[in-house]
Protein backbone atom coordinates (compact mmCIF):
# COMPACT_ATOMS: atom_id res chain seq x y z
CA UNK A 1 -73.56 5.55 -1.32
CA UNK A 2 -74.65 3.81 -4.51
CA UNK A 3 -71.71 2.87 -6.78
CA UNK A 4 -71.43 5.21 -9.74
CA UNK A 5 -71.58 4.33 -13.42
CA UNK A 6 -69.48 5.83 -16.26
CA UNK A 7 -70.74 9.28 -17.19
CA UNK A 8 -72.81 9.07 -20.40
CA UNK A 9 -71.24 10.87 -23.34
CA UNK A 10 -74.36 12.96 -23.85
CA UNK A 11 -73.94 14.40 -20.34
CA UNK A 12 -70.34 15.36 -21.11
CA UNK A 13 -71.40 17.01 -24.37
CA UNK A 14 -74.21 18.83 -22.55
CA UNK A 15 -71.67 20.06 -20.01
CA UNK A 16 -69.51 21.39 -22.80
CA UNK A 17 -72.41 23.40 -24.20
CA UNK A 18 -73.23 24.67 -20.70
CA UNK A 19 -69.62 25.71 -20.06
CA UNK A 20 -68.99 27.44 -23.38
CA UNK A 21 -67.69 30.92 -22.65
CA UNK A 22 -67.43 30.17 -18.92
CA UNK A 23 -64.20 28.17 -18.84
CA UNK A 24 -61.01 28.28 -20.90
CA UNK A 25 -60.48 25.77 -23.67
CA UNK A 26 -56.96 25.04 -22.50
CA UNK A 27 -54.03 24.32 -24.86
CA UNK A 28 -52.23 21.03 -25.32
CA UNK A 29 -48.47 21.52 -25.73
CA UNK A 30 -45.49 19.17 -26.08
CA UNK A 31 -43.23 18.78 -23.05
CA UNK A 32 -39.84 20.16 -24.03
CA UNK A 33 -37.85 17.27 -22.61
CA UNK A 34 -35.55 14.82 -24.36
CA UNK A 35 -35.04 12.27 -21.58
CA UNK A 36 -38.28 10.38 -22.24
CA UNK A 37 -38.95 7.68 -24.80
CA UNK A 38 -42.59 8.82 -24.90
CA UNK A 39 -43.92 11.86 -26.72
CA UNK A 40 -45.35 13.72 -23.73
CA UNK A 41 -47.95 16.47 -24.02
CA UNK A 42 -49.25 18.78 -21.30
CA UNK A 43 -52.95 19.64 -20.99
CA UNK A 44 -52.68 23.02 -19.26
CA UNK A 45 -55.63 23.22 -16.86
CA UNK A 46 -53.49 25.52 -14.70
CA UNK A 47 -54.55 28.24 -17.17
CA UNK A 48 -58.18 28.23 -16.02
CA UNK A 49 -59.23 31.48 -14.27
CA UNK A 50 -58.87 29.81 -10.87
CA UNK A 51 -55.67 27.99 -11.85
CA UNK A 52 -57.32 24.56 -11.81
CA UNK A 53 -59.58 22.18 -13.76
CA UNK A 54 -62.04 22.29 -10.87
CA UNK A 55 -63.88 25.21 -12.43
CA UNK A 56 -65.27 22.87 -15.09
CA UNK A 57 -66.98 20.57 -12.62
CA UNK A 58 -68.06 23.24 -10.15
CA UNK A 59 -69.58 25.48 -12.81
CA UNK A 60 -71.33 22.62 -14.59
CA UNK A 61 -72.81 21.29 -11.34
CA UNK A 62 -74.14 24.68 -10.27
CA UNK A 63 -75.50 25.57 -13.69
CA UNK A 64 -77.20 22.18 -14.01
CA UNK A 65 -78.85 22.40 -10.57
CA UNK A 66 -82.28 23.76 -9.74
CA UNK A 67 -81.65 27.54 -9.51
CA UNK A 68 -83.82 27.73 -6.39
CA UNK A 69 -81.49 25.32 -4.57
CA UNK A 70 -78.41 27.26 -5.63
CA UNK A 71 -79.90 30.55 -4.43
CA UNK A 72 -80.00 29.11 -0.90
CA UNK A 73 -76.19 29.06 -0.89
CA UNK A 74 -73.60 26.37 -1.61
CA UNK A 75 -70.77 24.69 0.24
CA UNK A 76 -68.10 22.13 -0.48
CA UNK A 77 -65.21 20.29 1.15
CA UNK A 78 -61.92 20.87 -0.60
CA UNK A 79 -58.19 21.21 -0.08
CA UNK A 80 -58.45 24.37 -2.14
CA UNK A 81 -59.09 23.98 -5.86
CA UNK A 82 -62.72 22.82 -5.79
CA UNK A 83 -63.26 25.51 -3.19
CA UNK A 84 -62.03 28.10 -5.66
CA UNK A 85 -64.18 26.67 -8.43
CA UNK A 86 -67.32 26.81 -6.32
CA UNK A 87 -66.46 30.28 -4.97
CA UNK A 88 -65.76 31.60 -8.48
CA UNK A 89 -69.06 30.35 -9.86
CA UNK A 90 -70.96 31.41 -6.73
CA UNK A 91 -69.63 34.95 -7.18
CA UNK A 92 -70.79 34.92 -10.80
CA UNK A 93 -74.24 33.73 -9.77
CA UNK A 94 -74.49 36.05 -6.74
CA UNK A 95 -74.95 33.35 -4.11
CA UNK A 96 -73.27 32.62 -0.77
CA UNK A 97 -70.39 30.14 -0.67
CA UNK A 98 -68.69 28.39 2.23
CA UNK A 99 -65.87 25.87 2.03
CA UNK A 100 -64.53 23.37 4.53
CA UNK A 101 -60.78 22.88 4.17
CA UNK A 102 -58.39 20.57 6.05
CA UNK A 103 -56.15 22.35 8.53
CA UNK A 104 -53.07 21.82 6.33
CA UNK A 105 -54.66 23.48 3.26
CA UNK A 106 -52.21 25.80 1.45
CA UNK A 107 -52.47 29.48 2.27
CA UNK A 108 -52.42 30.37 -1.44
CA UNK A 109 -55.61 28.43 -2.09
CA UNK A 110 -57.38 29.69 1.02
CA UNK A 111 -56.57 33.32 0.19
CA UNK A 112 -57.83 32.79 -3.35
CA UNK A 113 -61.18 31.51 -2.04
CA UNK A 114 -61.51 34.56 0.19
CA UNK A 115 -60.71 36.91 -2.70
CA UNK A 116 -63.59 35.31 -4.57
CA UNK A 117 -65.96 36.04 -1.71
CA UNK A 118 -66.04 32.54 -0.23
CA UNK A 119 -65.86 31.87 3.50
CA UNK A 120 -63.06 29.45 4.48
CA UNK A 121 -63.68 27.18 7.46
CA UNK A 122 -60.65 25.15 8.57
CA UNK A 123 -61.35 21.84 10.29
CA UNK A 124 -59.17 18.89 11.38
CA UNK A 125 -58.33 16.48 8.58
CA UNK A 126 -60.47 13.68 10.07
CA UNK A 127 -63.54 15.92 10.22
CA UNK A 128 -62.92 17.12 6.67
CA UNK A 129 -62.56 13.55 5.42
CA UNK A 130 -65.87 12.55 7.02
CA UNK A 131 -67.62 15.19 4.91
CA UNK A 132 -66.26 13.56 1.76
CA UNK A 133 -67.47 10.17 2.94
CA UNK A 134 -70.86 11.27 4.29
CA UNK A 135 -71.62 13.99 1.71
CA UNK A 136 -72.73 16.47 4.36
CA UNK A 137 -71.70 18.38 7.45
CA UNK A 138 -74.16 18.63 10.34
CA UNK A 139 -73.49 22.32 10.98
CA UNK A 140 -73.60 23.52 7.38
CA UNK A 141 -76.63 24.71 5.44
CA UNK A 142 -77.20 25.01 1.72
CA UNK A 143 -76.50 22.88 -1.33
CA UNK A 144 -73.52 20.56 -0.86
CA UNK A 145 -71.33 20.10 -3.95
CA UNK A 146 -69.15 17.02 -3.62
CA UNK A 147 -65.73 17.63 -5.19
CA UNK A 148 -65.44 14.05 -6.49
CA UNK A 149 -68.48 11.80 -6.72
CA UNK A 150 -71.06 14.14 -8.22
CA UNK A 151 -72.05 13.09 -11.74
CA UNK A 152 -72.46 16.73 -12.80
CA UNK A 153 -68.95 17.51 -11.58
CA UNK A 154 -67.50 14.51 -13.41
CA UNK A 155 -69.37 15.46 -16.59
CA UNK A 156 -67.74 18.89 -16.44
CA UNK A 157 -64.35 17.27 -15.92
CA UNK A 158 -65.00 14.97 -18.86
CA UNK A 159 -65.01 17.93 -21.25
CA UNK A 160 -61.21 17.80 -21.01
CA UNK A 161 -61.30 14.49 -22.91
CA UNK A 162 -63.21 16.07 -25.80
CA UNK A 163 -60.52 18.73 -26.16
CA UNK A 164 -57.67 16.23 -25.95
CA UNK A 165 -59.14 14.12 -28.77
CA UNK A 166 -59.69 17.19 -30.93
CA UNK A 167 -56.10 18.36 -30.49
CA UNK A 168 -54.38 14.95 -30.53
CA UNK A 169 -56.62 12.37 -32.21
CA UNK A 170 -53.94 9.67 -32.11
CA UNK A 171 -53.30 9.97 -28.37
CA UNK A 172 -52.38 6.59 -26.89
CA UNK A 173 -52.43 7.23 -23.15
CA UNK A 174 -53.56 9.88 -20.69
CA UNK A 175 -52.08 10.29 -17.19
CA UNK A 176 -54.29 12.06 -14.67
CA UNK A 177 -53.62 13.06 -11.04
CA UNK A 178 -55.80 10.96 -8.71
CA UNK A 179 -57.32 12.70 -5.72
CA UNK A 180 -60.73 11.12 -5.36
CA UNK A 181 -61.20 9.99 -8.94
CA UNK A 182 -63.63 12.64 -10.17
CA UNK A 183 -61.17 14.01 -12.73
CA UNK A 184 -59.75 10.71 -13.94
CA UNK A 185 -63.12 8.93 -14.12
CA UNK A 186 -64.80 11.88 -15.82
CA UNK A 187 -62.11 11.97 -18.51
CA UNK A 188 -62.00 8.18 -18.80
CA UNK A 189 -65.78 7.99 -19.23
CA UNK A 190 -65.64 10.19 -22.32
CA UNK A 191 -62.54 8.48 -23.71
CA UNK A 192 -64.12 5.05 -23.24
CA UNK A 193 -67.12 6.18 -25.30
CA UNK A 194 -65.15 7.87 -28.08
CA UNK A 195 -61.82 6.03 -28.27
CA UNK A 196 -61.79 3.02 -25.94
CA UNK A 197 -58.28 1.93 -26.91
CA UNK A 198 -56.75 4.94 -25.13
CA UNK A 199 -55.13 3.86 -21.86
CA UNK A 200 -56.01 6.01 -18.86
CA UNK A 201 -53.68 5.99 -15.85
CA UNK A 202 -53.97 7.54 -12.43
CA UNK A 203 -50.94 9.30 -10.97
CA UNK A 204 -50.37 9.07 -7.21
CA UNK A 205 -47.51 9.93 -4.87
CA UNK A 206 -45.89 7.49 -2.49
CA UNK A 207 -47.19 9.30 0.60
CA UNK A 208 -50.84 9.11 -0.50
CA UNK A 209 -51.62 6.27 -2.93
CA UNK A 210 -54.93 4.67 -1.88
CA UNK A 211 -55.89 3.66 -5.42
CA UNK A 212 -52.72 1.61 -5.92
CA UNK A 213 -53.27 -0.08 -2.56
CA UNK A 214 -56.86 -0.82 -3.53
CA UNK A 215 -55.90 -2.25 -6.93
CA UNK A 216 -53.36 -4.54 -5.29
CA UNK A 217 -55.86 -5.68 -2.66
CA UNK A 218 -58.81 -5.98 -5.02
CA UNK A 219 -61.05 -3.80 -2.86
CA UNK A 220 -61.22 -0.25 -1.56
CA UNK A 221 -58.35 -0.01 0.92
CA UNK A 222 -57.26 2.49 3.54
CA UNK A 223 -53.68 3.70 3.84
CA UNK A 224 -51.46 5.64 6.21
CA UNK A 225 -51.83 9.06 4.59
CA UNK A 226 -48.98 11.54 5.01
CA UNK A 227 -49.34 15.19 4.05
CA UNK A 228 -46.71 16.65 1.72
CA UNK A 229 -46.17 19.52 -0.71
CA UNK A 230 -48.31 17.48 -3.12
CA UNK A 231 -51.55 18.63 -1.50
CA UNK A 232 -54.02 18.34 -4.38
CA UNK A 233 -54.20 14.54 -4.56
CA UNK A 234 -54.30 11.60 -2.19
CA UNK A 235 -56.40 10.68 0.78
CA UNK A 236 -56.92 8.04 3.43
CA UNK A 237 -58.80 5.70 1.10
CA UNK A 238 -60.70 5.42 -2.15
CA UNK A 239 -64.29 6.52 -1.62
CA UNK A 240 -66.55 3.48 -1.64
CA UNK A 241 -68.84 4.82 -4.36
CA UNK A 242 -65.84 5.65 -6.58
CA UNK A 243 -63.97 2.36 -6.25
CA UNK A 244 -66.00 0.28 -8.74
CA UNK A 245 -65.85 3.08 -11.29
CA UNK A 246 -62.11 3.66 -10.91
CA UNK A 247 -61.38 -0.08 -11.12
CA UNK A 248 -63.48 -0.32 -14.28
CA UNK A 249 -62.19 2.74 -16.14
CA UNK A 250 -58.53 3.14 -15.15
CA UNK A 251 -55.76 0.90 -16.41
CA UNK A 252 -53.52 1.30 -13.38
CA UNK A 253 -52.13 3.71 -10.84
CA UNK A 254 -48.59 4.96 -11.45
CA UNK A 255 -47.01 5.82 -8.10
CA UNK A 256 -44.14 8.30 -8.03
CA UNK A 257 -41.88 9.55 -5.26
CA UNK A 258 -41.89 13.06 -3.87
CA UNK A 259 -38.40 13.52 -5.31
CA UNK A 260 -39.59 12.52 -8.79
CA UNK A 261 -42.54 14.87 -8.47
CA UNK A 262 -40.30 17.78 -7.45
CA UNK A 263 -37.99 17.03 -10.38
CA UNK A 264 -40.95 17.03 -12.79
CA UNK A 265 -42.19 20.33 -11.36
CA UNK A 266 -38.76 21.87 -11.96
CA UNK A 267 -38.68 20.43 -15.48
CA UNK A 268 -42.03 21.89 -16.55
CA UNK A 269 -41.03 25.26 -15.10
CA UNK A 270 -37.60 25.34 -16.76
CA UNK A 271 -38.44 23.78 -20.14
CA UNK A 272 -42.03 24.89 -20.74
CA UNK A 273 -42.32 27.88 -18.37
CA UNK A 274 -45.35 26.16 -16.85
CA UNK A 275 -45.99 26.36 -13.12
CA UNK A 276 -47.65 23.14 -12.00
CA UNK A 277 -48.71 22.33 -8.47
CA UNK A 278 -47.57 19.02 -7.05
CA UNK A 279 -50.57 17.07 -8.32
CA UNK A 280 -50.01 18.07 -11.93
CA UNK A 281 -46.27 17.47 -11.64
CA UNK A 282 -46.99 13.94 -10.36
CA UNK A 283 -48.65 13.12 -13.69
CA UNK A 284 -45.58 14.33 -15.57
CA UNK A 285 -43.29 12.33 -13.27
CA UNK A 286 -45.35 9.20 -13.93
CA UNK A 287 -45.11 9.65 -17.70
CA UNK A 288 -41.37 10.36 -17.54
CA UNK A 289 -40.97 7.12 -15.58
CA UNK A 290 -42.29 5.17 -18.56
CA UNK A 291 -45.29 3.61 -16.87
CA UNK A 292 -47.71 4.96 -19.48
CA UNK A 293 -45.78 3.57 -22.43
CA UNK A 294 -43.70 5.08 -25.20
CA UNK A 295 -46.31 6.50 -27.55
CA UNK A 296 -48.16 9.79 -27.44
CA UNK A 297 -48.95 10.45 -23.79
CA UNK A 298 -50.99 13.35 -22.43
CA UNK A 299 -50.41 14.52 -18.85
CA UNK A 300 -53.19 16.57 -17.32
CA UNK A 301 -51.65 19.52 -15.48
CA UNK A 302 -54.57 19.70 -13.09
CA UNK A 303 -53.61 23.01 -11.52
CA UNK A 304 -50.93 25.56 -10.78
CA UNK A 305 -51.90 26.77 -7.32
CA UNK A 306 -48.77 26.30 -5.27
CA UNK A 307 -47.60 28.46 -2.36
CA UNK A 308 -44.67 30.71 -3.27
CA UNK A 309 -42.60 29.29 -0.43
CA UNK A 310 -43.13 25.75 -1.71
CA UNK A 311 -42.39 26.72 -5.29
CA UNK A 312 -39.15 28.44 -4.30
CA UNK A 313 -38.14 25.42 -2.23
CA UNK A 314 -38.80 23.01 -5.10
CA UNK A 315 -37.04 25.15 -7.70
CA UNK A 316 -34.02 25.56 -5.43
CA UNK A 317 -33.68 21.79 -5.17
CA UNK A 318 -34.42 21.37 -1.46
CA UNK A 319 -35.14 17.77 -0.37
CA UNK A 320 -38.89 17.03 -0.53
CA UNK A 321 -39.17 16.33 3.20
CA UNK A 322 -37.89 19.86 3.89
CA UNK A 323 -40.43 21.58 1.64
CA UNK A 324 -42.97 23.42 3.83
């Protein structure tokens, strides 16, 4: 795949016009915690209709496509949230939707896709990962919507940056969960164009931190990926087409432990009454750890789709390795 370039600001602004009335303009609220030297704010993408930011990118991509292609049906590869975004928009547009999910995908996310009329197809993790790398599946038909390295998806994600700057013009840093880089690079593209001094950090967990490994090595690196309750981020490697863009736009990757992520999840639930899935909690954990500095720091709560069993386990303080 050809390496990607930063998303032009005009594409992000066009996405915002396209998405008006179709996604929620989510609030930015202070984190009610006193143990941090930073002033931490939460960008609540868990309040989107599907419980995740992914609706922005999925809807923008489908609305920007040739309608004739969309009418032939769409499919994606996703651990759950992009799947919901595509299924939600497909239902609105009256087209067929299929999603390939890894075999460890959370039941909550799979059931949500089915409620939206999407067909869930579970495949082994290796097969699922190949779809992300190759941008197709030999047995699937229809328009493939890549959850990460689609410029239209990243432009939709970048609309979050416009809202952050409107609500907190003097923001100094933004911490964003890093799955494949589509969210972080979309936001960073817009911030670079409008306020380049803002530092943009990726948040990764210790069991799945390919970006940190790549930054240390100076090239896209593979890691020993381990599945955990933090299912919305992490992978075996940084996608080759995303690596140059991530290296260019992101200041660093802040890696947190599963225990720190669980603690941050409990904190947002107890202090702000916000239910964050593991990916969003990882961003909060990274900010609480001080890696993003001591100024005004925004953490993107990327989603809130967490299985009830996992949520109960985290809130009850069970060790992370025991969380189902």
